[in-house]
């Protein structure tokens, strides 16, 4: 029973991380950030492309722990407008309820180039699956951008189709003329 519960939790976590959902409208309204001495213009744009990932289950520190909870690490390789690699950590819970219900949270550091600008940033994931229906939010952690990505805000959607995983990243970045 323990192994079955752990397997269900891992399946739900994998589904949440890889299937994602596509958003037709984004509700986030990024703030322009701190006032700067230089004149800046705010530009909102989309980055799109594909990615691959590897999910690695981690052993429980507590051998008597509830097997519906699991911990994982993951590595991603992004291609397209975002050329980057990432490393992340995830916590997931599966209920074992009919129709696959569960949830996950994750933090992921992305390092590379976004439309030619280099740096890194952190993505925060929150996903819930209710009897097979998924809701997922992946947002840039405020002030996590480094290098040429300082001031980055945005929301990333994961899209599953044609056997490939892709992303649509709507982001805002202050541009200095």
N, C-alpha and C. Protein backbone atom coordinates (compact mmCIF):
# COMPACT_ATOMS: atom_id res chain seq x y z
N UNK A 1 0.83 -1.20 0.00
CA UNK A 1 0.00 0.00 0.00
C UNK A 1 0.86 1.25 0.00
N UNK A 2 1.97 1.22 0.82
CA UNK A 2 2.85 2.39 0.87
C UNK A 2 3.45 2.69 -0.50
N UNK A 3 3.92 1.65 -1.18
CA UNK A 3 4.52 1.85 -2.50
C UNK A 3 3.49 2.35 -3.50
N UNK A 4 2.26 1.87 -3.40
CA UNK A 4 1.20 2.31 -4.32
C UNK A 4 0.89 3.79 -4.07
N UNK A 5 0.82 4.22 -2.81
CA UNK A 5 0.57 5.63 -2.49
C UNK A 5 1.70 6.51 -3.00
N UNK A 6 2.95 6.07 -2.80
CA UNK A 6 4.10 6.84 -3.28
C UNK A 6 4.08 6.93 -4.79
N UNK A 7 3.74 5.84 -5.47
CA UNK A 7 3.68 5.84 -6.93
C UNK A 7 2.61 6.81 -7.42
N UNK A 8 1.45 6.83 -6.76
CA UNK A 8 0.38 7.76 -7.14
C UNK A 8 0.85 9.20 -6.96
N UNK A 9 1.51 9.48 -5.83
CA UNK A 9 2.02 10.82 -5.58
C UNK A 9 3.03 11.24 -6.65
N UNK A 10 3.93 10.35 -7.02
CA UNK A 10 4.94 10.66 -8.05
C UNK A 10 4.28 10.92 -9.40
N UNK A 11 3.27 10.12 -9.73
CA UNK A 11 2.57 10.31 -11.00
C UNK A 11 1.88 11.67 -11.01
N UNK A 12 1.21 12.03 -9.93
CA UNK A 12 0.53 13.33 -9.86
C UNK A 12 1.54 14.46 -9.97
N UNK A 13 2.66 14.35 -9.28
CA UNK A 13 3.69 15.39 -9.34
C UNK A 13 4.23 15.53 -10.76
N UNK A 14 4.50 14.42 -11.40
CA UNK A 14 4.99 14.47 -12.77
C UNK A 14 3.98 15.07 -13.72
N UNK A 15 2.71 14.70 -13.54
CA UNK A 15 1.65 15.25 -14.39
C UNK A 15 1.55 16.75 -14.18
N UNK A 16 1.57 17.18 -12.92
CA UNK A 16 1.48 18.62 -12.62
C UNK A 16 2.64 19.37 -13.25
N UNK A 17 3.84 18.81 -13.15
CA UNK A 17 5.01 19.52 -13.65
C UNK A 17 5.08 19.53 -15.16
N UNK A 18 4.73 18.43 -15.81
CA UNK A 18 4.95 18.38 -17.25
C UNK A 18 3.74 18.74 -18.09
N UNK A 19 2.55 18.42 -17.65
CA UNK A 19 1.40 18.72 -18.48
C UNK A 19 1.04 20.19 -18.44
N UNK A 20 1.08 20.79 -17.27
CA UNK A 20 0.79 22.21 -17.17
C UNK A 20 -0.54 22.56 -17.76
N UNK A 21 -0.71 23.80 -18.05
CA UNK A 21 -1.92 24.27 -18.71
C UNK A 21 -1.56 25.49 -19.51
N UNK A 22 -2.31 25.74 -20.53
CA UNK A 22 -2.07 26.94 -21.30
C UNK A 22 -3.06 27.99 -20.85
N UNK A 23 -2.59 29.19 -20.71
CA UNK A 23 -3.43 30.28 -20.27
C UNK A 23 -3.75 31.17 -21.46
N UNK A 24 -5.03 31.49 -21.64
CA UNK A 24 -5.40 32.38 -22.73
C UNK A 24 -5.33 33.82 -22.29
N UNK A 25 -5.38 34.06 -20.99
CA UNK A 25 -5.27 35.42 -20.48
C UNK A 25 -4.43 35.38 -19.22
N UNK A 26 -3.63 36.37 -19.03
CA UNK A 26 -2.76 36.47 -17.87
C UNK A 26 -3.30 37.56 -16.98
N UNK A 27 -3.44 37.24 -15.69
CA UNK A 27 -4.03 38.20 -14.78
C UNK A 27 -2.99 39.04 -14.07
N UNK A 28 -1.72 38.67 -14.15
CA UNK A 28 -0.70 39.41 -13.43
C UNK A 28 -0.48 40.77 -14.08
N UNK A 29 -0.44 41.80 -13.25
CA UNK A 29 -0.10 43.14 -13.71
C UNK A 29 1.21 43.51 -13.04
N UNK A 30 2.33 43.36 -13.75
CA UNK A 30 3.62 43.63 -13.15
C UNK A 30 3.77 45.11 -12.78
N UNK A 31 4.43 45.33 -11.66
CA UNK A 31 4.71 46.71 -11.28
C UNK A 31 5.99 47.15 -11.96
N UNK A 32 6.13 48.44 -12.21
CA UNK A 32 7.30 48.92 -12.92
C UNK A 32 8.57 48.86 -12.10
N UNK A 33 8.49 48.55 -10.81
CA UNK A 33 9.69 48.45 -9.99
C UNK A 33 10.09 49.81 -9.46
N UNK A 34 11.29 49.88 -8.85
CA UNK A 34 11.72 51.13 -8.24
C UNK A 34 11.99 52.20 -9.30
N UNK A 35 11.82 53.46 -8.88
CA UNK A 35 12.09 54.58 -9.77
C UNK A 35 13.58 54.66 -10.02
N UNK A 36 13.96 54.82 -11.26
CA UNK A 36 15.37 54.90 -11.62
C UNK A 36 15.70 56.28 -12.16
N UNK A 37 16.96 56.63 -12.05
CA UNK A 37 17.40 57.93 -12.54
C UNK A 37 17.33 57.97 -14.07
N UNK A 38 17.60 56.83 -14.72
CA UNK A 38 17.54 56.76 -16.17
C UNK A 38 16.10 56.61 -16.61
N UNK A 39 15.81 57.12 -17.82
CA UNK A 39 14.47 56.94 -18.36
C UNK A 39 14.32 55.49 -18.81
N UNK A 40 13.25 54.84 -18.34
CA UNK A 40 13.01 53.45 -18.68
C UNK A 40 11.64 53.32 -19.33
N UNK A 41 11.52 52.36 -20.21
CA UNK A 41 10.20 52.03 -20.74
C UNK A 41 9.92 50.57 -20.39
N UNK A 42 8.69 50.30 -20.06
CA UNK A 42 8.29 48.95 -19.69
C UNK A 42 7.79 48.25 -20.94
N UNK A 43 8.34 47.07 -21.20
CA UNK A 43 7.97 46.31 -22.38
C UNK A 43 7.47 44.94 -21.94
N UNK A 44 6.25 44.59 -22.32
CA UNK A 44 5.71 43.27 -22.05
C UNK A 44 5.79 42.47 -23.33
N UNK A 45 6.33 41.27 -23.22
CA UNK A 45 6.49 40.44 -24.41
C UNK A 45 6.31 38.97 -24.05
N UNK A 46 6.29 38.12 -25.07
CA UNK A 46 6.17 36.67 -24.88
C UNK A 46 7.46 36.01 -25.35
N UNK A 47 7.87 35.02 -24.62
CA UNK A 47 8.94 34.13 -25.04
C UNK A 47 8.31 32.75 -25.17
N UNK A 48 8.61 32.07 -26.26
CA UNK A 48 8.05 30.73 -26.47
C UNK A 48 9.15 29.78 -26.88
N UNK A 49 8.91 28.51 -26.68
CA UNK A 49 9.86 27.48 -27.07
C UNK A 49 9.48 26.16 -26.45
N UNK A 50 10.44 25.25 -26.45
CA UNK A 50 10.22 23.91 -25.91
C UNK A 50 11.17 23.68 -24.73
N UNK A 51 10.92 22.61 -24.00
CA UNK A 51 11.84 22.23 -22.94
C UNK A 51 11.75 20.73 -22.67
N UNK A 52 12.81 20.21 -22.09
CA UNK A 52 12.83 18.84 -21.60
C UNK A 52 13.14 18.92 -20.11
N UNK A 53 12.72 17.90 -19.38
CA UNK A 53 13.05 17.88 -17.96
C UNK A 53 13.24 16.46 -17.47
N UNK A 54 13.97 16.37 -16.37
CA UNK A 54 14.18 15.09 -15.70
C UNK A 54 13.76 15.27 -14.25
N UNK A 55 12.85 14.43 -13.79
CA UNK A 55 12.32 14.45 -12.43
C UNK A 55 12.97 13.32 -11.65
N UNK A 56 13.56 13.65 -10.49
CA UNK A 56 14.28 12.64 -9.69
C UNK A 56 13.67 12.56 -8.29
N UNK A 57 12.97 11.47 -7.97
CA UNK A 57 12.42 11.30 -6.62
C UNK A 57 13.55 11.27 -5.59
N UNK A 58 13.31 11.88 -4.44
CA UNK A 58 14.28 11.93 -3.36
C UNK A 58 13.79 11.05 -2.21
N UNK A 59 14.72 10.40 -1.52
CA UNK A 59 14.29 9.54 -0.41
C UNK A 59 13.75 10.38 0.75
N UNK A 60 12.83 9.79 1.49
CA UNK A 60 12.27 10.46 2.66
C UNK A 60 13.28 10.41 3.79
N UNK A 61 13.38 11.48 4.55
CA UNK A 61 14.26 11.51 5.72
C UNK A 61 13.67 10.72 6.87
N UNK A 62 12.36 10.55 6.84
CA UNK A 62 11.63 9.87 7.91
C UNK A 62 11.02 8.59 7.34
N UNK A 63 11.53 7.46 7.75
CA UNK A 63 11.07 6.17 7.22
C UNK A 63 9.63 5.86 7.60
N UNK A 64 9.08 6.56 8.59
CA UNK A 64 7.69 6.34 8.99
C UNK A 64 6.78 7.41 8.40
N UNK A 65 7.34 8.24 7.52
CA UNK A 65 6.57 9.36 6.96
C UNK A 65 5.41 8.87 6.10
N UNK A 66 4.45 9.73 5.96
CA UNK A 66 3.27 9.47 5.12
C UNK A 66 3.73 9.35 3.67
N UNK A 67 3.41 8.24 3.02
CA UNK A 67 3.88 8.01 1.65
C UNK A 67 3.09 8.80 0.61
N UNK A 68 2.05 9.52 1.03
CA UNK A 68 1.35 10.36 0.07
C UNK A 68 2.11 11.67 -0.16
N UNK A 69 3.16 11.93 0.64
CA UNK A 69 4.00 13.11 0.46
C UNK A 69 5.30 12.69 -0.19
N UNK A 70 5.79 13.51 -1.11
CA UNK A 70 7.07 13.18 -1.75
C UNK A 70 7.85 14.44 -2.03
N UNK A 71 9.14 14.23 -2.20
CA UNK A 71 10.09 15.30 -2.49
C UNK A 71 10.84 14.91 -3.76
N UNK A 72 11.05 15.87 -4.65
CA UNK A 72 11.76 15.58 -5.89
C UNK A 72 12.67 16.74 -6.27
N UNK A 73 13.67 16.44 -7.07
CA UNK A 73 14.46 17.48 -7.72
C UNK A 73 14.21 17.35 -9.20
N UNK A 74 14.48 18.43 -9.93
CA UNK A 74 14.34 18.35 -11.38
C UNK A 74 15.33 19.26 -12.06
N UNK A 75 15.68 18.88 -13.28
CA UNK A 75 16.56 19.65 -14.16
C UNK A 75 15.80 19.88 -15.45
N UNK A 76 15.90 21.10 -15.98
CA UNK A 76 15.25 21.42 -17.26
C UNK A 76 16.26 22.03 -18.21
N UNK A 77 15.96 21.86 -19.49
CA UNK A 77 16.71 22.49 -20.57
C UNK A 77 15.69 23.20 -21.45
N UNK A 78 15.75 24.55 -21.49
CA UNK A 78 14.83 25.36 -22.28
C UNK A 78 15.45 25.68 -23.64
N UNK A 79 14.63 25.70 -24.68
CA UNK A 79 15.06 26.05 -26.03
C UNK A 79 14.09 27.08 -26.59
N UNK A 80 14.55 27.91 -27.51
CA UNK A 80 13.69 28.91 -28.12
C UNK A 80 14.09 30.30 -27.67
N UNK A 81 13.10 31.14 -27.37
CA UNK A 81 13.38 32.50 -26.93
C UNK A 81 14.09 32.53 -25.59
N UNK A 82 13.88 31.50 -24.80
CA UNK A 82 14.60 31.30 -23.53
C UNK A 82 15.55 30.13 -23.73
N UNK A 83 16.83 30.42 -23.81
CA UNK A 83 17.86 29.38 -23.92
C UNK A 83 18.50 29.28 -22.55
N UNK A 84 18.14 28.25 -21.80
CA UNK A 84 18.56 28.21 -20.41
C UNK A 84 18.50 26.79 -19.85
N UNK A 85 19.11 26.65 -18.69
CA UNK A 85 18.98 25.44 -17.89
C UNK A 85 18.39 25.85 -16.55
N UNK A 86 17.81 24.88 -15.87
CA UNK A 86 17.29 25.18 -14.54
C UNK A 86 17.43 23.97 -13.65
N UNK A 87 17.43 24.26 -12.36
CA UNK A 87 17.41 23.23 -11.33
C UNK A 87 16.31 23.62 -10.35
N UNK A 88 15.54 22.62 -9.91
CA UNK A 88 14.45 22.93 -9.00
C UNK A 88 14.22 21.84 -7.98
N UNK A 89 13.43 22.20 -6.98
CA UNK A 89 13.01 21.27 -5.94
C UNK A 89 11.51 21.35 -5.79
N UNK A 90 10.89 20.18 -5.60
CA UNK A 90 9.43 20.10 -5.55
C UNK A 90 8.99 19.28 -4.35
N UNK A 91 7.88 19.71 -3.77
CA UNK A 91 7.16 18.93 -2.76
C UNK A 91 5.80 18.62 -3.35
N UNK A 92 5.36 17.37 -3.22
CA UNK A 92 4.08 16.98 -3.81
C UNK A 92 3.29 16.12 -2.83
N UNK A 93 1.97 16.16 -3.00
CA UNK A 93 1.08 15.32 -2.20
C UNK A 93 0.02 14.74 -3.13
N UNK A 94 -0.20 13.45 -3.01
CA UNK A 94 -1.26 12.79 -3.76
C UNK A 94 -2.26 12.21 -2.77
N UNK A 95 -3.53 12.34 -3.06
CA UNK A 95 -4.55 11.88 -2.12
C UNK A 95 -4.97 10.44 -2.37
N UNK A 96 -4.70 9.94 -3.57
CA UNK A 96 -5.14 8.60 -3.91
C UNK A 96 -6.62 8.56 -4.27
N UNK A 97 -7.27 9.72 -4.28
CA UNK A 97 -8.70 9.78 -4.61
C UNK A 97 -8.91 9.42 -6.07
N UNK A 98 -10.06 8.88 -6.36
CA UNK A 98 -10.39 8.51 -7.73
C UNK A 98 -10.32 9.76 -8.62
N UNK A 99 -9.65 9.64 -9.76
CA UNK A 99 -9.54 10.76 -10.69
C UNK A 99 -8.27 11.57 -10.49
N UNK A 100 -7.36 11.12 -9.67
CA UNK A 100 -6.07 11.78 -9.47
C UNK A 100 -6.18 13.19 -8.93
N UNK A 101 -6.19 13.32 -7.62
CA UNK A 101 -6.16 14.62 -6.97
C UNK A 101 -4.86 14.76 -6.22
N UNK A 102 -4.36 15.97 -6.13
CA UNK A 102 -3.11 16.22 -5.42
C UNK A 102 -2.65 17.64 -5.64
N UNK A 103 -1.45 17.91 -5.18
CA UNK A 103 -0.91 19.25 -5.36
C UNK A 103 0.61 19.24 -5.27
N UNK A 104 1.21 20.33 -5.72
CA UNK A 104 2.66 20.47 -5.62
C UNK A 104 3.04 21.93 -5.51
N UNK A 105 4.20 22.16 -4.93
CA UNK A 105 4.86 23.47 -4.92
C UNK A 105 6.30 23.22 -5.32
N UNK A 106 6.90 24.19 -5.97
CA UNK A 106 8.30 24.03 -6.39
C UNK A 106 8.95 25.39 -6.53
N UNK A 107 10.27 25.40 -6.39
CA UNK A 107 11.10 26.58 -6.66
C UNK A 107 12.15 26.13 -7.66
N UNK A 108 12.41 27.00 -8.65
CA UNK A 108 13.29 26.65 -9.76
C UNK A 108 14.16 27.85 -10.14
N UNK A 109 15.49 27.68 -10.13
CA UNK A 109 16.39 28.74 -10.59
C UNK A 109 16.72 28.49 -12.06
N UNK A 110 16.44 29.49 -12.90
CA UNK A 110 16.66 29.42 -14.35
C UNK A 110 17.86 30.31 -14.67
N UNK A 111 18.83 29.77 -15.43
CA UNK A 111 20.03 30.52 -15.79
C UNK A 111 20.26 30.39 -17.29
N UNK A 112 20.39 31.54 -17.97
CA UNK A 112 20.64 31.52 -19.41
C UNK A 112 20.36 32.86 -20.04
N UNK A 113 19.78 32.83 -21.26
CA UNK A 113 19.46 34.06 -21.96
C UNK A 113 17.98 34.08 -22.34
N UNK A 114 17.38 35.25 -22.17
CA UNK A 114 15.98 35.47 -22.51
C UNK A 114 15.95 36.57 -23.56
N UNK A 115 15.58 36.21 -24.79
CA UNK A 115 15.64 37.14 -25.92
C UNK A 115 16.99 37.88 -25.94
N UNK A 116 18.07 37.12 -25.76
CA UNK A 116 19.41 37.67 -25.87
C UNK A 116 19.96 38.34 -24.61
N UNK A 117 19.17 38.47 -23.57
CA UNK A 117 19.64 39.08 -22.31
C UNK A 117 20.01 37.97 -21.34
N UNK A 118 21.22 38.03 -20.80
CA UNK A 118 21.70 36.95 -19.94
C UNK A 118 21.50 37.27 -18.46
N UNK A 119 21.33 36.21 -17.70
CA UNK A 119 21.17 36.32 -16.27
C UNK A 119 20.43 35.11 -15.73
N UNK A 120 19.89 35.28 -14.54
CA UNK A 120 19.11 34.20 -13.93
C UNK A 120 17.91 34.79 -13.22
N UNK A 121 16.97 33.91 -12.88
CA UNK A 121 15.78 34.31 -12.12
C UNK A 121 15.19 33.05 -11.51
N UNK A 122 14.27 33.24 -10.56
CA UNK A 122 13.64 32.12 -9.87
C UNK A 122 12.16 32.07 -10.23
N UNK A 123 11.68 30.85 -10.53
CA UNK A 123 10.26 30.62 -10.77
C UNK A 123 9.65 29.91 -9.56
N UNK A 124 8.46 30.35 -9.17
CA UNK A 124 7.72 29.73 -8.08
C UNK A 124 6.50 29.03 -8.68
N UNK A 125 6.37 27.73 -8.40
CA UNK A 125 5.27 26.90 -8.92
C UNK A 125 4.25 26.62 -7.83
N UNK A 126 2.99 26.58 -8.21
CA UNK A 126 1.93 26.11 -7.33
C UNK A 126 0.89 25.42 -8.21
N UNK A 127 0.67 24.14 -7.96
CA UNK A 127 -0.26 23.40 -8.80
C UNK A 127 -1.19 22.53 -7.98
N UNK A 128 -2.43 22.44 -8.43
CA UNK A 128 -3.43 21.60 -7.78
C UNK A 128 -4.18 20.82 -8.86
N UNK A 129 -4.38 19.54 -8.60
CA UNK A 129 -5.18 18.73 -9.49
C UNK A 129 -6.38 18.22 -8.69
N UNK A 130 -7.58 18.53 -9.16
CA UNK A 130 -8.80 18.11 -8.50
C UNK A 130 -9.53 17.11 -9.39
N UNK A 131 -9.45 15.83 -9.01
CA UNK A 131 -10.06 14.75 -9.77
C UNK A 131 -9.76 14.86 -11.27
N UNK A 132 -8.48 15.13 -11.59
CA UNK A 132 -8.03 15.17 -12.97
C UNK A 132 -8.04 16.54 -13.62
N UNK A 133 -8.64 17.54 -12.99
CA UNK A 133 -8.66 18.90 -13.53
C UNK A 133 -7.55 19.71 -12.87
N UNK A 134 -6.70 20.27 -13.68
CA UNK A 134 -5.50 20.93 -13.16
C UNK A 134 -5.59 22.44 -13.18
N UNK A 135 -4.99 23.05 -12.15
CA UNK A 135 -4.81 24.50 -12.08
C UNK A 135 -3.36 24.72 -11.68
N UNK A 136 -2.64 25.55 -12.44
CA UNK A 136 -1.22 25.76 -12.17
C UNK A 136 -0.87 27.23 -12.35
N UNK A 137 -0.03 27.72 -11.44
CA UNK A 137 0.51 29.08 -11.55
C UNK A 137 2.02 28.99 -11.40
N UNK A 138 2.73 29.59 -12.35
CA UNK A 138 4.20 29.65 -12.28
C UNK A 138 4.57 31.11 -12.51
N UNK A 139 5.15 31.74 -11.49
CA UNK A 139 5.48 33.16 -11.58
C UNK A 139 6.94 33.41 -11.22
N UNK A 140 7.46 34.52 -11.73
CA UNK A 140 8.82 34.94 -11.39
C UNK A 140 8.79 35.50 -9.98
N UNK A 141 9.70 35.05 -9.13
CA UNK A 141 9.83 35.58 -7.77
C UNK A 141 10.31 37.03 -7.88
N UNK A 142 9.61 37.97 -7.24
CA UNK A 142 10.01 39.39 -7.34
C UNK A 142 11.48 39.60 -6.94
N UNK A 143 12.15 40.44 -7.69
CA UNK A 143 13.54 40.84 -7.45
C UNK A 143 14.53 39.69 -7.51
N UNK A 144 14.18 38.58 -8.17
CA UNK A 144 15.10 37.45 -8.29
C UNK A 144 15.99 37.53 -9.53
N UNK A 145 15.70 38.46 -10.44
CA UNK A 145 16.48 38.57 -11.67
C UNK A 145 17.89 39.08 -11.40
N UNK A 146 18.85 38.51 -12.14
CA UNK A 146 20.25 38.95 -12.03
C UNK A 146 20.76 39.32 -13.42
N UNK A 147 21.93 39.96 -13.45
CA UNK A 147 22.56 40.33 -14.72
C UNK A 147 21.65 41.24 -15.52
N UNK A 148 21.45 40.93 -16.78
CA UNK A 148 20.60 41.73 -17.66
C UNK A 148 19.10 41.45 -17.45
N UNK A 149 18.78 40.60 -16.49
CA UNK A 149 17.38 40.26 -16.20
C UNK A 149 16.91 40.88 -14.88
N UNK A 150 17.65 41.83 -14.35
CA UNK A 150 17.21 42.54 -13.15
C UNK A 150 15.91 43.26 -13.47
N UNK A 151 14.94 43.14 -12.57
CA UNK A 151 13.64 43.78 -12.76
C UNK A 151 12.63 42.92 -13.50
N UNK A 152 12.99 41.68 -13.83
CA UNK A 152 12.10 40.77 -14.56
C UNK A 152 10.89 40.40 -13.70
N UNK A 153 9.71 40.47 -14.30
CA UNK A 153 8.48 39.94 -13.69
C UNK A 153 7.77 39.14 -14.76
N UNK A 154 6.90 38.24 -14.37
CA UNK A 154 6.14 37.52 -15.38
C UNK A 154 5.53 36.25 -14.89
N UNK A 155 4.88 35.58 -15.84
CA UNK A 155 4.16 34.34 -15.59
C UNK A 155 4.46 33.38 -16.73
N UNK A 156 4.73 32.13 -16.39
CA UNK A 156 5.06 31.12 -17.39
C UNK A 156 3.96 30.07 -17.43
N UNK A 157 3.55 29.70 -18.62
CA UNK A 157 2.58 28.63 -18.81
C UNK A 157 3.27 27.46 -19.49
N UNK A 158 2.99 26.25 -19.02
CA UNK A 158 3.50 25.03 -19.63
C UNK A 158 2.41 24.46 -20.51
N UNK A 159 2.77 24.09 -21.73
CA UNK A 159 1.80 23.60 -22.71
C UNK A 159 2.25 22.22 -23.17
N UNK A 160 1.32 21.28 -23.19
CA UNK A 160 1.61 19.92 -23.63
C UNK A 160 0.88 19.69 -24.94
N UNK A 161 1.62 19.32 -25.97
CA UNK A 161 0.97 19.03 -27.24
C UNK A 161 1.91 18.37 -28.21
N UNK A 162 1.37 17.54 -29.06
CA UNK A 162 2.15 16.84 -30.10
C UNK A 162 3.35 16.09 -29.52
N UNK A 163 3.20 15.58 -28.30
CA UNK A 163 4.28 14.81 -27.69
C UNK A 163 5.44 15.64 -27.20
N UNK A 164 5.33 16.97 -27.24
CA UNK A 164 6.40 17.85 -26.78
C UNK A 164 5.89 18.75 -25.67
N UNK A 165 6.81 19.17 -24.82
CA UNK A 165 6.50 20.15 -23.80
C UNK A 165 6.98 21.51 -24.29
N UNK A 166 6.13 22.51 -24.17
CA UNK A 166 6.54 23.86 -24.56
C UNK A 166 6.11 24.85 -23.49
N UNK A 167 6.58 26.07 -23.64
CA UNK A 167 6.27 27.12 -22.67
C UNK A 167 5.85 28.38 -23.40
N UNK A 168 5.07 29.18 -22.72
CA UNK A 168 4.72 30.54 -23.15
C UNK A 168 4.99 31.40 -21.94
N UNK A 169 5.99 32.25 -22.03
CA UNK A 169 6.43 33.07 -20.91
C UNK A 169 6.08 34.52 -21.22
N UNK A 170 5.06 35.05 -20.53
CA UNK A 170 4.71 36.46 -20.67
C UNK A 170 5.47 37.21 -19.59
N UNK A 171 6.33 38.13 -20.00
CA UNK A 171 7.16 38.81 -19.02
C UNK A 171 7.28 40.29 -19.31
N UNK A 172 7.66 41.01 -18.28
CA UNK A 172 7.91 42.44 -18.37
C UNK A 172 9.32 42.70 -17.87
N UNK A 173 10.03 43.54 -18.60
CA UNK A 173 11.40 43.88 -18.26
C UNK A 173 11.62 45.33 -18.63
N UNK A 174 12.09 46.12 -17.68
CA UNK A 174 12.36 47.52 -17.95
C UNK A 174 13.53 47.61 -18.94
N UNK A 175 13.35 48.43 -19.96
CA UNK A 175 14.42 48.63 -20.94
C UNK A 175 14.96 50.04 -20.78
N UNK A 176 16.27 50.16 -20.73
CA UNK A 176 16.93 51.45 -20.64
C UNK A 176 17.40 51.83 -22.03
N UNK A 177 16.97 53.01 -22.55
CA UNK A 177 17.38 53.39 -23.91
C UNK A 177 18.87 53.66 -24.02
